[in-house]
Amino acid sequence: GPMERHMEYEERSLFPKLAARGLEPEVGVATKHHEAIREKRAELEKAEGDQAALAQLVFDVARLMLHHTNFEGDYIYPELDSEDWRELMEETMH
């Protein structure tokens, strides 16, 4: 759903541009976050009917998402100046 579309957009449009700006290691970590979130989502799909497992998996996905957004906010976004942001917005809108 929306989370997968967001991650696909980042991987297709945003991550290559960040890597081109010298943030390859950070993009690698963010990509690994996406992989971990997808793994938990796959587990969620298999856990039908097991309420305890579903609750734990929802918690796990939420924790991974929080970790991912904090990582972006702490390690990726601060590396971009206002000109970088403007360029990225313009490039990714097309």
N, C-alpha and C. Protein backbone atom coordinates (compact mmCIF):
# COMPACT_ATOMS: atom_id res chain seq x y z
N GLY A 1 0.80 -1.18 0.00
CA GLY A 1 0.00 0.00 0.00
C GLY A 1 0.85 1.26 0.00
N PRO A 2 0.42 2.26 0.73
CA PRO A 2 1.11 3.56 0.75
C PRO A 2 2.56 3.47 1.20
N MET A 3 2.84 2.61 2.17
CA MET A 3 4.21 2.50 2.67
C MET A 3 5.13 1.96 1.56
N GLU A 4 4.66 0.95 0.84
CA GLU A 4 5.46 0.39 -0.24
C GLU A 4 5.67 1.42 -1.35
N ARG A 5 4.63 2.17 -1.70
CA ARG A 5 4.78 3.21 -2.72
C ARG A 5 5.82 4.24 -2.30
N HIS A 6 5.80 4.60 -1.02
CA HIS A 6 6.76 5.57 -0.49
C HIS A 6 8.18 5.02 -0.61
N MET A 7 8.38 3.78 -0.18
CA MET A 7 9.72 3.21 -0.24
C MET A 7 10.19 3.05 -1.68
N GLU A 8 9.31 2.61 -2.56
CA GLU A 8 9.67 2.48 -3.97
C GLU A 8 10.05 3.84 -4.56
N TYR A 9 9.29 4.87 -4.20
CA TYR A 9 9.61 6.22 -4.69
C TYR A 9 11.00 6.65 -4.21
N GLU A 10 11.26 6.45 -2.92
CA GLU A 10 12.58 6.82 -2.40
C GLU A 10 13.69 6.09 -3.14
N GLU A 11 13.50 4.79 -3.33
CA GLU A 11 14.54 3.98 -3.98
C GLU A 11 14.73 4.36 -5.45
N ARG A 12 13.66 4.65 -6.11
CA ARG A 12 13.71 4.96 -7.55
C ARG A 12 14.15 6.40 -7.81
N SER A 13 13.63 7.35 -7.06
CA SER A 13 13.82 8.76 -7.38
C SER A 13 14.77 9.49 -6.45
N LEU A 14 14.67 9.23 -5.18
CA LEU A 14 15.42 10.03 -4.22
C LEU A 14 16.80 9.44 -3.89
N PHE A 15 16.87 8.15 -3.62
CA PHE A 15 18.13 7.55 -3.21
C PHE A 15 19.25 7.73 -4.25
N PRO A 16 18.99 7.55 -5.54
CA PRO A 16 20.08 7.77 -6.50
C PRO A 16 20.61 9.21 -6.46
N LYS A 17 19.73 10.16 -6.25
CA LYS A 17 20.15 11.56 -6.20
C LYS A 17 20.95 11.85 -4.92
N LEU A 18 20.56 11.22 -3.82
CA LEU A 18 21.32 11.38 -2.58
C LEU A 18 22.70 10.73 -2.72
N ALA A 19 22.72 9.55 -3.33
CA ALA A 19 24.01 8.88 -3.53
C ALA A 19 24.93 9.72 -4.40
N ALA A 20 24.38 10.37 -5.41
CA ALA A 20 25.17 11.23 -6.29
C ALA A 20 25.73 12.43 -5.54
N ARG A 21 25.14 12.77 -4.42
CA ARG A 21 25.62 13.89 -3.60
C ARG A 21 26.57 13.41 -2.50
N GLY A 22 27.04 12.17 -2.62
CA GLY A 22 28.03 11.65 -1.67
C GLY A 22 27.47 10.94 -0.47
N LEU A 23 26.18 10.63 -0.48
CA LEU A 23 25.56 9.97 0.67
C LEU A 23 25.32 8.48 0.42
N GLU A 24 26.24 7.83 -0.29
CA GLU A 24 26.08 6.41 -0.59
C GLU A 24 25.97 5.54 0.66
N PRO A 25 26.84 5.74 1.68
CA PRO A 25 26.71 4.89 2.88
C PRO A 25 25.35 5.06 3.56
N GLU A 26 24.87 6.28 3.63
CA GLU A 26 23.59 6.54 4.26
C GLU A 26 22.44 5.91 3.46
N VAL A 27 22.53 6.01 2.15
CA VAL A 27 21.53 5.39 1.29
C VAL A 27 21.54 3.87 1.48
N GLY A 28 22.73 3.30 1.65
CA GLY A 28 22.83 1.87 1.89
C GLY A 28 22.11 1.46 3.17
N VAL A 29 22.28 2.24 4.22
CA VAL A 29 21.60 1.95 5.48
C VAL A 29 20.08 2.09 5.31
N ALA A 30 19.65 3.16 4.66
CA ALA A 30 18.22 3.37 4.45
C ALA A 30 17.61 2.25 3.62
N THR A 31 18.35 1.76 2.63
CA THR A 31 17.88 0.65 1.81
C THR A 31 17.72 -0.61 2.67
N LYS A 32 18.66 -0.84 3.58
CA LYS A 32 18.55 -1.99 4.48
C LYS A 32 17.34 -1.85 5.40
N HIS A 33 17.03 -0.63 5.81
CA HIS A 33 15.82 -0.41 6.60
C HIS A 33 14.59 -0.84 5.80
N HIS A 34 14.55 -0.43 4.53
CA HIS A 34 13.42 -0.80 3.68
C HIS A 34 13.29 -2.32 3.58
N GLU A 35 14.42 -3.00 3.42
CA GLU A 35 14.40 -4.46 3.33
C GLU A 35 13.84 -5.08 4.60
N ALA A 36 14.26 -4.57 5.75
CA ALA A 36 13.77 -5.09 7.03
C ALA A 36 12.27 -4.86 7.18
N ILE A 37 11.80 -3.70 6.77
CA ILE A 37 10.37 -3.39 6.84
C ILE A 37 9.59 -4.34 5.93
N ARG A 38 10.11 -4.59 4.74
CA ARG A 38 9.44 -5.52 3.81
C ARG A 38 9.41 -6.94 4.38
N GLU A 39 10.47 -7.36 5.04
CA GLU A 39 10.49 -8.68 5.65
C GLU A 39 9.40 -8.81 6.71
N LYS A 40 9.27 -7.78 7.55
CA LYS A 40 8.24 -7.81 8.59
C LYS A 40 6.85 -7.78 7.96
N ARG A 41 6.70 -7.02 6.87
CA ARG A 41 5.41 -7.00 6.19
C ARG A 41 5.05 -8.39 5.67
N ALA A 42 6.02 -9.10 5.12
CA ALA A 42 5.77 -10.45 4.64
C ALA A 42 5.36 -11.36 5.80
N GLU A 43 6.00 -11.19 6.94
CA GLU A 43 5.61 -11.96 8.12
C GLU A 43 4.19 -11.62 8.55
N LEU A 44 3.84 -10.34 8.46
CA LEU A 44 2.48 -9.90 8.80
C LEU A 44 1.44 -10.61 7.94
N GLU A 45 1.74 -10.72 6.67
CA GLU A 45 0.80 -11.35 5.75
C GLU A 45 0.58 -12.82 6.08
N LYS A 46 1.57 -13.47 6.68
CA LYS A 46 1.49 -14.89 7.02
C LYS A 46 0.87 -15.13 8.39
N ALA A 47 0.74 -14.11 9.20
CA ALA A 47 0.32 -14.26 10.59
C ALA A 47 -1.19 -14.14 10.78
N GLU A 48 -1.95 -14.32 9.74
CA GLU A 48 -3.41 -14.18 9.84
C GLU A 48 -3.97 -15.05 10.95
N GLY A 49 -4.84 -14.47 11.74
CA GLY A 49 -5.52 -15.20 12.79
C GLY A 49 -4.79 -15.28 14.11
N ASP A 50 -3.51 -15.07 14.13
CA ASP A 50 -2.73 -15.12 15.37
C ASP A 50 -2.62 -13.70 15.90
N GLN A 51 -3.54 -13.33 16.76
CA GLN A 51 -3.63 -11.94 17.23
C GLN A 51 -2.37 -11.48 17.96
N ALA A 52 -1.78 -12.35 18.76
CA ALA A 52 -0.57 -11.97 19.48
C ALA A 52 0.58 -11.71 18.50
N ALA A 53 0.72 -12.57 17.51
CA ALA A 53 1.78 -12.39 16.51
C ALA A 53 1.52 -11.13 15.70
N LEU A 54 0.28 -10.90 15.32
CA LEU A 54 -0.07 -9.69 14.56
C LEU A 54 0.28 -8.43 15.34
N ALA A 55 -0.08 -8.42 16.61
CA ALA A 55 0.21 -7.24 17.45
C ALA A 55 1.71 -7.00 17.54
N GLN A 56 2.48 -8.07 17.73
CA GLN A 56 3.93 -7.92 17.83
C GLN A 56 4.51 -7.44 16.51
N LEU A 57 4.04 -7.97 15.41
CA LEU A 57 4.56 -7.56 14.10
C LEU A 57 4.21 -6.11 13.78
N VAL A 58 3.01 -5.68 14.13
CA VAL A 58 2.65 -4.28 13.91
C VAL A 58 3.58 -3.39 14.73
N PHE A 59 3.83 -3.79 15.96
CA PHE A 59 4.76 -3.04 16.80
C PHE A 59 6.15 -3.02 16.17
N ASP A 60 6.62 -4.18 15.68
CA ASP A 60 7.95 -4.27 15.07
C ASP A 60 8.07 -3.37 13.84
N VAL A 61 7.04 -3.37 12.99
CA VAL A 61 7.07 -2.52 11.80
C VAL A 61 7.09 -1.04 12.21
N ALA A 62 6.27 -0.69 13.18
CA ALA A 62 6.23 0.70 13.64
C ALA A 62 7.60 1.11 14.20
N ARG A 63 8.24 0.22 14.94
CA ARG A 63 9.56 0.51 15.51
C ARG A 63 10.59 0.69 14.40
N LEU A 64 10.55 -0.17 13.40
CA LEU A 64 11.47 -0.04 12.27
C LEU A 64 11.24 1.26 11.50
N MET A 65 9.98 1.62 11.32
CA MET A 65 9.68 2.88 10.62
C MET A 65 10.18 4.08 11.42
N LEU A 66 10.00 4.05 12.71
CA LEU A 66 10.48 5.14 13.56
C LEU A 66 12.00 5.23 13.48
N HIS A 67 12.66 4.10 13.56
CA HIS A 67 14.12 4.07 13.46
C HIS A 67 14.56 4.64 12.10
N HIS A 68 13.87 4.25 11.04
CA HIS A 68 14.20 4.71 9.69
C HIS A 68 14.02 6.23 9.56
N THR A 69 12.89 6.73 10.01
CA THR A 69 12.66 8.18 9.88
C THR A 69 13.63 8.97 10.75
N ASN A 70 13.96 8.45 11.93
CA ASN A 70 14.96 9.11 12.77
C ASN A 70 16.33 9.10 12.09
N PHE A 71 16.68 7.99 11.45
CA PHE A 71 17.96 7.91 10.74
C PHE A 71 18.00 8.95 9.63
N GLU A 72 16.94 9.03 8.84
CA GLU A 72 16.90 10.03 7.77
C GLU A 72 17.06 11.44 8.35
N GLY A 73 16.34 11.71 9.42
CA GLY A 73 16.39 13.04 10.03
C GLY A 73 17.72 13.37 10.67
N ASP A 74 18.41 12.35 11.16
CA ASP A 74 19.69 12.58 11.85
C ASP A 74 20.90 12.54 10.92
N TYR A 75 20.84 11.70 9.87
CA TYR A 75 22.04 11.45 9.08
C TYR A 75 21.95 11.83 7.60
N ILE A 76 20.76 11.91 7.05
CA ILE A 76 20.64 12.24 5.64
C ILE A 76 20.25 13.70 5.46
N TYR A 77 19.13 14.07 6.00
CA TYR A 77 18.62 15.42 5.76
C TYR A 77 19.55 16.53 6.22
N PRO A 78 20.25 16.39 7.36
CA PRO A 78 21.16 17.47 7.75
C PRO A 78 22.31 17.71 6.77
N GLU A 79 22.60 16.72 5.94
CA GLU A 79 23.68 16.86 4.97
C GLU A 79 23.28 17.71 3.76
N LEU A 80 22.01 18.00 3.64
CA LEU A 80 21.51 18.74 2.48
C LEU A 80 21.28 20.20 2.85
N ASP A 81 21.80 21.11 2.04
CA ASP A 81 21.53 22.53 2.26
C ASP A 81 20.26 22.91 1.50
N SER A 82 19.85 24.15 1.62
CA SER A 82 18.58 24.57 1.00
C SER A 82 18.61 24.44 -0.51
N GLU A 83 19.76 24.65 -1.12
CA GLU A 83 19.86 24.49 -2.57
C GLU A 83 19.69 23.02 -2.96
N ASP A 84 20.31 22.12 -2.18
CA ASP A 84 20.13 20.69 -2.43
C ASP A 84 18.66 20.31 -2.36
N TRP A 85 17.97 20.80 -1.33
CA TRP A 85 16.54 20.49 -1.16
C TRP A 85 15.73 20.98 -2.35
N ARG A 86 15.98 22.21 -2.76
CA ARG A 86 15.25 22.75 -3.91
C ARG A 86 15.48 21.91 -5.16
N GLU A 87 16.74 21.58 -5.41
CA GLU A 87 17.07 20.77 -6.59
C GLU A 87 16.40 19.40 -6.51
N LEU A 88 16.47 18.79 -5.35
CA LEU A 88 15.85 17.47 -5.20
C LEU A 88 14.33 17.53 -5.42
N MET A 89 13.70 18.54 -4.86
CA MET A 89 12.25 18.67 -5.04
C MET A 89 11.91 18.86 -6.51
N GLU A 90 12.66 19.71 -7.18
CA GLU A 90 12.39 19.94 -8.60
C GLU A 90 12.64 18.67 -9.42
N GLU A 91 13.73 17.98 -9.15
CA GLU A 91 14.07 16.78 -9.90
C GLU A 91 13.08 15.65 -9.67
N THR A 92 12.62 15.50 -8.45
CA THR A 92 11.75 14.37 -8.13
C THR A 92 10.28 14.64 -8.45
N MET A 93 9.95 15.85 -8.78
CA MET A 93 8.55 16.17 -9.15
C MET A 93 8.28 15.84 -10.60
N HIS A 94 9.29 15.57 -11.38
CA HIS A 94 9.10 15.32 -12.81
C HIS A 94 9.20 13.86 -13.13
